Amino acid sequence: MSYIFNTFFYNPLYNGLVFIIDLLPNGDAGVAVVLLTIIVSLLLFSISKKAIRTQIKLREIDPELREIKNKTTDKQEQARLMLALYQKHQVNPFSMILLMIIQIPILIALYYVFLRGGLPEIHTELLYSFIEVPKLVNMNFLGILDIKEKSLIIAILAGITQFIQAMIAIPKTSKPQNNNLSENFAHSMQVQMKFVFPVIIVFIGMGFPSALPLYWTTRNIFTIFQEIIVKKGLSKKN
């Protein structure tokens, strides 16, 4: 398992970071983190786009899904009707799960790259033959932030951008008026994603070197613009 993780996630990301640092005139590792995050986000763009579209489609067919749940209490019949509804509207709920599954090992790999990669020291034994060792590795992002050190400002910025991203991605919903367990649970999860998760991100970011919350902030900003672009594209089609 570790061989697969290193081969397909850690080593490519580590080499990508070192390669970008070598390209930069001042060897700014912070800028390299931002650029690597954007590159990874672009590589995941097609999957992310499908996930966003699925999310929007699920909101549109939500009344029909509720109708199915109210129509029958038989779980198998509900599943059959919901599957037929998904096929009718060409919705694949698993695209959202796929994005989450892919992002988890990438996030773990980036954690090891940023926090255990040994920067500014370069582990030459991990480099591909065509990757050169940078002459300079500058750990001061834009000359103002040492990404090896913890930063409250970057941690808060990660939390703020996470909140904005959640507000754009998750629609406003009113609290369910009935005692339906699944609807109450869904509403609770939405509230937590909007208001609790950003706070958790801040506390996590405060406990780690600023390279990790810098990655999270960049990823959030990219996702915010991606959400806006995809939604505008869908609204024009409609």
C-alpha atoms as a PDB file:
ATOM      1  CA  MET A   1       0.000   0.000   0.000  1.00  0.00           C
ATOM      2  CA  SER A   2       2.812   2.419   0.879  1.00  0.00           C
ATOM      3  CA  TYR A   3       4.488   1.605  -2.448  1.00  0.00           C
ATOM      4  CA  ILE A   4       1.328   2.577  -4.356  1.00  0.00           C
ATOM      5  CA  PHE A   5       0.935   5.755  -2.272  1.00  0.00           C
ATOM      6  CA  ASN A   6       4.567   6.809  -2.825  1.00  0.00           C
ATOM      7  CA  THR A   7       4.589   5.892  -6.514  1.00  0.00           C
ATOM      8  CA  PHE A   8       1.351   7.560  -7.566  1.00  0.00           C
ATOM      9  CA  PHE A   9       0.953  10.387  -5.057  1.00  0.00           C
ATOM     10  CA  TYR A  10       3.884  11.366  -2.840  1.00  0.00           C
ATOM     11  CA  ASN A  11       6.780  11.070  -5.304  1.00  0.00           C
ATOM     12  CA  PRO A  12       5.042  12.879  -8.207  1.00  0.00           C
ATOM     13  CA  LEU A  13       3.944  15.735  -5.933  1.00  0.00           C
ATOM     14  CA  TYR A  14       7.356  16.012  -4.277  1.00  0.00           C
ATOM     15  CA  ASN A  15       9.109  16.079  -7.650  1.00  0.00           C
ATOM     16  CA  GLY A  16       6.554  18.577  -8.944  1.00  0.00           C
ATOM     17  CA  LEU A  17       7.222  20.909  -6.015  1.00  0.00           C
ATOM     18  CA  VAL A  18      11.013  20.646  -6.425  1.00  0.00           C
ATOM     19  CA  PHE A  19      10.695  21.209 -10.187  1.00  0.00           C
ATOM     20  CA  ILE A  20       8.615  24.374  -9.686  1.00  0.00           C
ATOM     21  CA  ILE A  21      11.025  25.695  -7.046  1.00  0.00           C
ATOM     22  CA  ASP A  22      13.897  25.189  -9.507  1.00  0.00           C
ATOM     23  CA  LEU A  23      12.013  27.150 -12.188  1.00  0.00           C
ATOM     24  CA  LEU A  24      11.416  30.164  -9.953  1.00  0.00           C
ATOM     25  CA  PRO A  25      14.211  32.789 -10.048  1.00  0.00           C
ATOM     26  CA  ASN A  26      14.185  33.282  -6.275  1.00  0.00           C
ATOM     27  CA  GLY A  27      13.292  29.682  -5.408  1.00  0.00           C
ATOM     28  CA  ASP A  28      10.205  30.796  -3.443  1.00  0.00           C
ATOM     29  CA  ALA A  29       8.814  27.587  -1.936  1.00  0.00           C
ATOM     30  CA  GLY A  30       5.581  29.385  -0.958  1.00  0.00           C
ATOM     31  CA  VAL A  31       4.909  30.421  -4.552  1.00  0.00           C
ATOM     32  CA  ALA A  32       5.748  26.850  -5.565  1.00  0.00           C
ATOM     33  CA  VAL A  33       3.098  25.568  -3.128  1.00  0.00           C
ATOM     34  CA  VAL A  34       0.507  27.899  -4.683  1.00  0.00           C
ATOM     35  CA  LEU A  35       1.447  26.894  -8.248  1.00  0.00           C
ATOM     36  CA  LEU A  36       1.491  23.179  -7.392  1.00  0.00           C
ATOM     37  CA  THR A  37      -1.957  23.513  -5.804  1.00  0.00           C
ATOM     38  CA  ILE A  38      -3.315  25.223  -8.933  1.00  0.00           C
ATOM     39  CA  ILE A  39      -1.800  22.529 -11.183  1.00  0.00           C
ATOM     40  CA  VAL A  40      -3.320  19.733  -9.072  1.00  0.00           C
ATOM     41  CA  SER A  41      -6.674  21.564  -9.066  1.00  0.00           C
ATOM     42  CA  LEU A  42      -6.557  21.915 -12.856  1.00  0.00           C
ATOM     43  CA  LEU A  43      -5.821  18.198 -13.222  1.00  0.00           C
ATOM     44  CA  LEU A  44      -8.900  17.478 -11.096  1.00  0.00           C
ATOM     45  CA  PHE A  45     -11.002  20.113 -12.875  1.00  0.00           C
ATOM     46  CA  SER A  46     -13.002  17.722 -15.073  1.00  0.00           C
ATOM     47  CA  ILE A  47     -13.950  15.561 -12.070  1.00  0.00           C
ATOM     48  CA  SER A  48     -14.691  18.660  -9.968  1.00  0.00           C
ATOM     49  CA  LYS A  49     -16.844  20.072 -12.766  1.00  0.00           C
ATOM     50  CA  LYS A  50     -18.924  16.887 -12.869  1.00  0.00           C
ATOM     51  CA  ALA A  51     -19.274  16.967  -9.079  1.00  0.00           C
ATOM     52  CA  ILE A  52     -20.509  20.586  -9.154  1.00  0.00           C
ATOM     53  CA  ARG A  53     -22.972  19.815 -11.946  1.00  0.00           C
ATOM     54  CA  THR A  54     -24.225  16.809 -10.001  1.00  0.00           C
ATOM     55  CA  GLN A  55     -24.676  18.968  -6.916  1.00  0.00           C
ATOM     56  CA  ILE A  56     -26.716  21.515  -8.882  1.00  0.00           C
ATOM     57  CA  LYS A  57     -28.829  18.806 -10.554  1.00  0.00           C
ATOM     58  CA  LEU A  58     -29.530  17.169  -7.199  1.00  0.00           C
ATOM     59  CA  ARG A  59     -30.873  20.491  -5.908  1.00  0.00           C
ATOM     60  CA  GLU A  60     -33.133  20.779  -8.957  1.00  0.00           C
ATOM     61  CA  ILE A  61     -34.623  17.304  -8.541  1.00  0.00           C
ATOM     62  CA  ASP A  62     -34.811  17.526  -4.733  1.00  0.00           C
ATOM     63  CA  PRO A  63     -38.630  18.033  -4.753  1.00  0.00           C
ATOM     64  CA  GLU A  64     -39.005  14.846  -6.810  1.00  0.00           C
ATOM     65  CA  LEU A  65     -36.694  12.970  -4.443  1.00  0.00           C
ATOM     66  CA  ARG A  66     -38.798  14.124  -1.476  1.00  0.00           C
ATOM     67  CA  GLU A  67     -41.929  12.992  -3.296  1.00  0.00           C
ATOM     68  CA  ILE A  68     -40.446   9.519  -3.744  1.00  0.00           C
ATOM     69  CA  LYS A  69     -39.589   9.312  -0.027  1.00  0.00           C
ATOM     70  CA  ASN A  70     -43.131  10.370   0.893  1.00  0.00           C
ATOM     71  CA  LYS A  71     -44.683   8.036  -1.671  1.00  0.00           C
ATOM     72  CA  THR A  72     -43.267   4.797  -0.257  1.00  0.00           C
ATOM     73  CA  THR A  73     -41.438   3.637   2.853  1.00  0.00           C
ATOM     74  CA  ASP A  74     -40.065   0.521   1.134  1.00  0.00           C
ATOM     75  CA  LYS A  75     -36.307   1.091   0.847  1.00  0.00           C
ATOM     76  CA  GLN A  76     -35.859  -1.103  -2.228  1.00  0.00           C
ATOM     77  CA  GLU A  77     -38.702   0.636  -4.040  1.00  0.00           C
ATOM     78  CA  GLN A  78     -37.270   4.030  -3.034  1.00  0.00           C
ATOM     79  CA  ALA A  79     -33.857   3.021  -4.397  1.00  0.00           C
ATOM     80  CA  ARG A  80     -35.407   1.828  -7.677  1.00  0.00           C
ATOM     81  CA  LEU A  81     -37.408   5.022  -8.170  1.00  0.00           C
ATOM     82  CA  MET A  82     -34.456   7.236  -7.230  1.00  0.00           C
ATOM     83  CA  LEU A  83     -32.169   5.376  -9.647  1.00  0.00           C
ATOM     84  CA  ALA A  84     -34.730   5.831 -12.428  1.00  0.00           C
ATOM     85  CA  LEU A  85     -34.935   9.554 -11.577  1.00  0.00           C
ATOM     86  CA  TYR A  86     -31.132   9.873 -11.698  1.00  0.00           C
ATOM     87  CA  GLN A  87     -31.053   8.172 -15.093  1.00  0.00           C
ATOM     88  CA  LYS A  88     -33.843  10.402 -16.392  1.00  0.00           C
ATOM     89  CA  HIS A  89     -31.945  13.574 -15.455  1.00  0.00           C
ATOM     90  CA  GLN A  90     -28.506  12.077 -16.247  1.00  0.00           C
ATOM     91  CA  VAL A  91     -27.291  12.510 -12.682  1.00  0.00           C
ATOM     92  CA  ASN A  92     -24.425  10.454 -11.280  1.00  0.00           C
ATOM     93  CA  PRO A  93     -24.229  10.991  -7.485  1.00  0.00           C
ATOM     94  CA  PHE A  94     -21.044   8.922  -7.335  1.00  0.00           C
ATOM     95  CA  SER A  95     -19.084  11.655  -9.155  1.00  0.00           C
ATOM     96  CA  MET A  96     -19.089  13.642  -5.907  1.00  0.00           C
ATOM     97  CA  ILE A  97     -17.860  10.618  -3.952  1.00  0.00           C
ATOM     98  CA  LEU A  98     -15.140   9.985  -6.554  1.00  0.00           C
ATOM     99  CA  LEU A  99     -13.799  13.517  -6.130  1.00  0.00           C
ATOM    100  CA  MET A 100     -13.603  13.066  -2.351  1.00  0.00           C
ATOM    101  CA  ILE A 101     -11.886   9.669  -2.698  1.00  0.00           C
ATOM    102  CA  ILE A 102      -9.241  11.106  -5.049  1.00  0.00           C
ATOM    103  CA  GLN A 103      -8.620  14.197  -2.930  1.00  0.00           C
ATOM    104  CA  ILE A 104      -7.946  12.299   0.302  1.00  0.00           C
ATOM    105  CA  PRO A 105      -4.656  10.626  -0.774  1.00  0.00           C
ATOM    106  CA  ILE A 106      -3.608  13.839  -2.552  1.00  0.00           C
ATOM    107  CA  LEU A 107      -4.147  15.847   0.636  1.00  0.00           C
ATOM    108  CA  ILE A 108      -2.215  13.273   2.686  1.00  0.00           C
ATOM    109  CA  ALA A 109       0.592  13.271   0.120  1.00  0.00           C
ATOM    110  CA  LEU A 110       0.750  17.071   0.165  1.00  0.00           C
ATOM    111  CA  TYR A 111       0.904  16.943   3.950  1.00  0.00           C
ATOM    112  CA  TYR A 112       4.007  14.749   3.726  1.00  0.00           C
ATOM    113  CA  VAL A 113       5.488  16.868   0.918  1.00  0.00           C
ATOM    114  CA  PHE A 114       5.046  20.160   2.768  1.00  0.00           C
ATOM    115  CA  LEU A 115       5.640  19.032   6.327  1.00  0.00           C
ATOM    116  CA  ARG A 116       7.961  16.042   6.047  1.00  0.00           C
ATOM    117  CA  GLY A 117       9.672  16.728   2.759  1.00  0.00           C
ATOM    118  CA  GLY A 118      12.677  18.183   4.526  1.00  0.00           C
ATOM    119  CA  LEU A 119      12.591  21.574   2.805  1.00  0.00           C
ATOM    120  CA  PRO A 120      14.772  23.535   2.379  1.00  0.00           C
ATOM    121  CA  GLU A 121      16.853  20.332   2.237  1.00  0.00           C
ATOM    122  CA  ILE A 122      16.140  18.279  -0.890  1.00  0.00           C
ATOM    123  CA  HIS A 123      15.882  14.495  -0.732  1.00  0.00           C
ATOM    124  CA  THR A 124      17.793  13.740  -3.932  1.00  0.00           C
ATOM    125  CA  GLU A 125      17.062   9.999  -3.664  1.00  0.00           C
ATOM    126  CA  LEU A 126      13.379  10.783  -4.316  1.00  0.00           C
ATOM    127  CA  LEU A 127      13.987  12.865  -7.435  1.00  0.00           C
ATOM    128  CA  TYR A 128      13.340  11.596 -10.927  1.00  0.00           C
ATOM    129  CA  SER A 129      16.356  11.527 -13.245  1.00  0.00           C
ATOM    130  CA  PHE A 130      15.164  14.605 -15.170  1.00  0.00           C
ATOM    131  CA  ILE A 131      14.519  16.737 -12.072  1.00  0.00           C
ATOM    132  CA  GLU A 132      17.405  18.973 -11.047  1.00  0.00           C
ATOM    133  CA  VAL A 133      18.216  20.015  -7.506  1.00  0.00           C
ATOM    134  CA  PRO A 134      17.306  23.714  -7.063  1.00  0.00           C
ATOM    135  CA  LYS A 135      20.251  26.020  -6.441  1.00  0.00           C
ATOM    136  CA  LEU A 136      18.113  28.019  -4.003  1.00  0.00           C
ATOM    137  CA  VAL A 137      15.171  27.058  -1.804  1.00  0.00           C
ATOM    138  CA  ASN A 138      13.633  30.174  -0.275  1.00  0.00           C
ATOM    139  CA  MET A 139      11.161  29.313   2.501  1.00  0.00           C
ATOM    140  CA  ASN A 140       9.929  32.931   2.858  1.00  0.00           C
ATOM    141  CA  PHE A 141       6.720  33.246   0.853  1.00  0.00           C
ATOM    142  CA  LEU A 142       6.863  36.584  -0.984  1.00  0.00           C
ATOM    143  CA  GLY A 143       9.529  37.602   1.525  1.00  0.00           C
ATOM    144  CA  ILE A 144       7.004  37.991   4.351  1.00  0.00           C
ATOM    145  CA  LEU A 145       5.984  34.497   5.557  1.00  0.00           C
ATOM    146  CA  ASP A 146       8.161  31.564   6.552  1.00  0.00           C
ATOM    147  CA  ILE A 147       6.122  28.548   5.415  1.00  0.00           C
ATOM    148  CA  LYS A 148       7.995  26.304   7.850  1.00  0.00           C
ATOM    149  CA  GLU A 149       6.468  28.247  10.739  1.00  0.00           C
ATOM    150  CA  LYS A 150       2.881  28.392  11.985  1.00  0.00           C
ATOM    151  CA  SER A 151       0.812  31.408  10.928  1.00  0.00           C
ATOM    152  CA  LEU A 152      -2.452  32.501  12.543  1.00  0.00           C
ATOM    153  CA  ILE A 153      -3.194  34.847   9.621  1.00  0.00           C
ATOM    154  CA  ILE A 154      -2.933  32.106   6.978  1.00  0.00           C
ATOM    155  CA  ALA A 155      -4.944  29.729   9.187  1.00  0.00           C
ATOM    156  CA  ILE A 156      -7.740  32.325   9.501  1.00  0.00           C
ATOM    157  CA  LEU A 157      -7.568  32.989   5.761  1.00  0.00           C
ATOM    158  CA  ALA A 158      -8.006  29.259   5.136  1.00  0.00           C
ATOM    159  CA  GLY A 159     -11.073  29.279   7.381  1.00  0.00           C
ATOM    160  CA  ILE A 160     -12.579  32.371   5.721  1.00  0.00           C
ATOM    161  CA  THR A 161     -12.122  31.003   2.198  1.00  0.00           C
ATOM    162  CA  GLN A 162     -13.581  27.659   3.339  1.00  0.00           C
ATOM    163  CA  PHE A 163     -16.654  29.511   4.667  1.00  0.00           C
ATOM    164  CA  ILE A 164     -17.086  31.445   1.400  1.00  0.00           C
ATOM    165  CA  GLN A 165     -16.688  28.262  -0.629  1.00  0.00           C
ATOM    166  CA  ALA A 166     -19.294  26.482   1.510  1.00  0.00           C
ATOM    167  CA  MET A 167     -21.752  29.400   1.224  1.00  0.00           C
ATOM    168  CA  ILE A 168     -21.474  29.244  -2.569  1.00  0.00           C
ATOM    169  CA  ALA A 169     -21.612  25.458  -2.835  1.00  0.00           C
ATOM    170  CA  ILE A 170     -24.314  24.715  -0.252  1.00  0.00           C
ATOM    171  CA  PRO A 171     -27.745  26.302  -0.831  1.00  0.00           C
ATOM    172  CA  LYS A 172     -29.730  28.034   1.887  1.00  0.00           C
ATOM    173  CA  THR A 173     -32.222  25.662   3.459  1.00  0.00           C
ATOM    174  CA  SER A 174     -34.868  26.107   6.122  1.00  0.00           C
ATOM    175  CA  LYS A 175     -34.993  23.795   9.107  1.00  0.00           C
ATOM    176  CA  PRO A 176     -37.311  20.825   8.450  1.00  0.00           C
ATOM    177  CA  GLN A 177     -40.698  21.266  10.073  1.00  0.00           C
ATOM    178  CA  ASN A 178     -41.270  17.538  10.607  1.00  0.00           C
ATOM    179  CA  ASN A 179     -39.356  14.910  12.547  1.00  0.00           C
ATOM    180  CA  ASN A 180     -37.931  13.190   9.476  1.00  0.00           C
ATOM    181  CA  LEU A 181     -34.580  11.847  10.664  1.00  0.00           C
ATOM    182  CA  SER A 182     -32.807  11.944   7.291  1.00  0.00           C
ATOM    183  CA  GLU A 183     -33.917  15.507   6.515  1.00  0.00           C
ATOM    184  CA  ASN A 184     -32.901  16.736   9.971  1.00  0.00           C
ATOM    185  CA  PHE A 185     -29.541  15.004   9.606  1.00  0.00           C
ATOM    186  CA  ALA A 186     -28.992  16.555   6.159  1.00  0.00           C
ATOM    187  CA  HIS A 187     -29.856  20.016   7.512  1.00  0.00           C
ATOM    188  CA  SER A 188     -27.480  19.515  10.454  1.00  0.00           C
ATOM    189  CA  MET A 189     -24.657  18.469   8.112  1.00  0.00           C
ATOM    190  CA  GLN A 190     -25.208  21.556   5.945  1.00  0.00           C
ATOM    191  CA  VAL A 191     -25.035  23.844   8.983  1.00  0.00           C
ATOM    192  CA  GLN A 192     -21.843  22.165  10.159  1.00  0.00           C
ATOM    193  CA  MET A 193     -20.223  22.395   6.718  1.00  0.00           C
ATOM    194  CA  LYS A 194     -21.046  26.099   6.533  1.00  0.00           C
ATOM    195  CA  PHE A 195     -20.213  27.251  10.041  1.00  0.00           C
ATOM    196  CA  VAL A 196     -18.395  24.548  12.015  1.00  0.00           C
ATOM    197  CA  PHE A 197     -15.977  23.129   9.437  1.00  0.00           C
ATOM    198  CA  PRO A 198     -14.319  26.524   8.664  1.00  0.00           C
ATOM    199  CA  VAL A 199     -13.634  26.961  12.389  1.00  0.00           C
ATOM    200  CA  ILE A 200     -12.113  23.468  12.507  1.00  0.00           C
ATOM    201  CA  ILE A 201      -9.928  24.392   9.523  1.00  0.00           C
ATOM    202  CA  VAL A 202      -8.652  27.455  11.404  1.00  0.00           C
ATOM    203  CA  PHE A 203      -7.709  25.390  14.461  1.00  0.00           C
ATOM    204  CA  ILE A 204      -6.039  22.718  12.323  1.00  0.00           C
ATOM    205  CA  GLY A 205      -4.164  25.379  10.345  1.00  0.00           C
ATOM    206  CA  MET A 206      -2.933  26.997  13.553  1.00  0.00           C
ATOM    207  CA  GLY A 207      -1.284  23.739  14.595  1.00  0.00           C
ATOM    208  CA  PHE A 208       0.715  23.143  11.404  1.00  0.00           C
ATOM    209  CA  PRO A 209       3.384  24.996   9.429  1.00  0.00           C
ATOM    210  CA  SER A 210       1.751  27.586   7.177  1.00  0.00           C
ATOM    211  CA  ALA A 211       2.491  25.590   3.998  1.00  0.00           C
ATOM    212  CA  LEU A 212      -0.566  23.422   4.651  1.00  0.00           C
ATOM    213  CA  PRO A 213      -3.131  26.222   5.278  1.00  0.00           C
ATOM    214  CA  LEU A 214      -1.562  28.057   2.323  1.00  0.00           C
ATOM    215  CA  TYR A 215      -2.391  25.040   0.165  1.00  0.00           C
ATOM    216  CA  TRP A 216      -5.928  24.915   1.619  1.00  0.00           C
ATOM    217  CA  THR A 217      -6.470  28.640   1.012  1.00  0.00           C
ATOM    218  CA  THR A 218      -5.296  28.369  -2.596  1.00  0.00           C
ATOM    219  CA  ARG A 219      -7.459  25.319  -3.168  1.00  0.00           C
ATOM    220  CA  ASN A 220     -10.512  27.105  -1.726  1.00  0.00           C
ATOM    221  CA  ILE A 221      -9.991  30.201  -3.883  1.00  0.00           C
ATOM    222  CA  PHE A 222      -9.631  28.020  -6.980  1.00  0.00           C
ATOM    223  CA  THR A 223     -12.805  26.106  -6.056  1.00  0.00           C
ATOM    224  CA  ILE A 224     -14.755  29.346  -5.484  1.00  0.00           C
ATOM    225  CA  PHE A 225     -13.958  30.612  -8.991  1.00  0.00           C
ATOM    226  CA  GLN A 226     -14.576  27.147 -10.414  1.00  0.00           C
ATOM    227  CA  GLU A 227     -18.033  27.008  -8.809  1.00  0.00           C
ATOM    228  CA  ILE A 228     -18.918  30.453 -10.178  1.00  0.00           C
ATOM    229  CA  ILE A 229     -17.716  29.600 -13.713  1.00  0.00           C
ATOM    230  CA  VAL A 230     -19.503  26.232 -13.856  1.00  0.00           C
ATOM    231  CA  LYS A 231     -22.756  27.679 -12.493  1.00  0.00           C
ATOM    232  CA  LYS A 232     -22.682  30.539 -15.000  1.00  0.00           C
ATOM    233  CA  GLY A 233     -22.099  28.040 -17.800  1.00  0.00           C
ATOM    234  CA  LEU A 234     -25.056  25.913 -16.696  1.00  0.00           C
ATOM    235  CA  SER A 235     -27.353  28.943 -16.310  1.00  0.00           C
ATOM    236  CA  LYS A 236     -26.556  30.041 -19.881  1.00  0.00           C
ATOM    237  CA  LYS A 237     -27.440  26.570 -21.196  1.00  0.00           C
ATOM    238  CA  ASN A 238     -30.730  26.692 -19.323  1.00  0.00           C
END
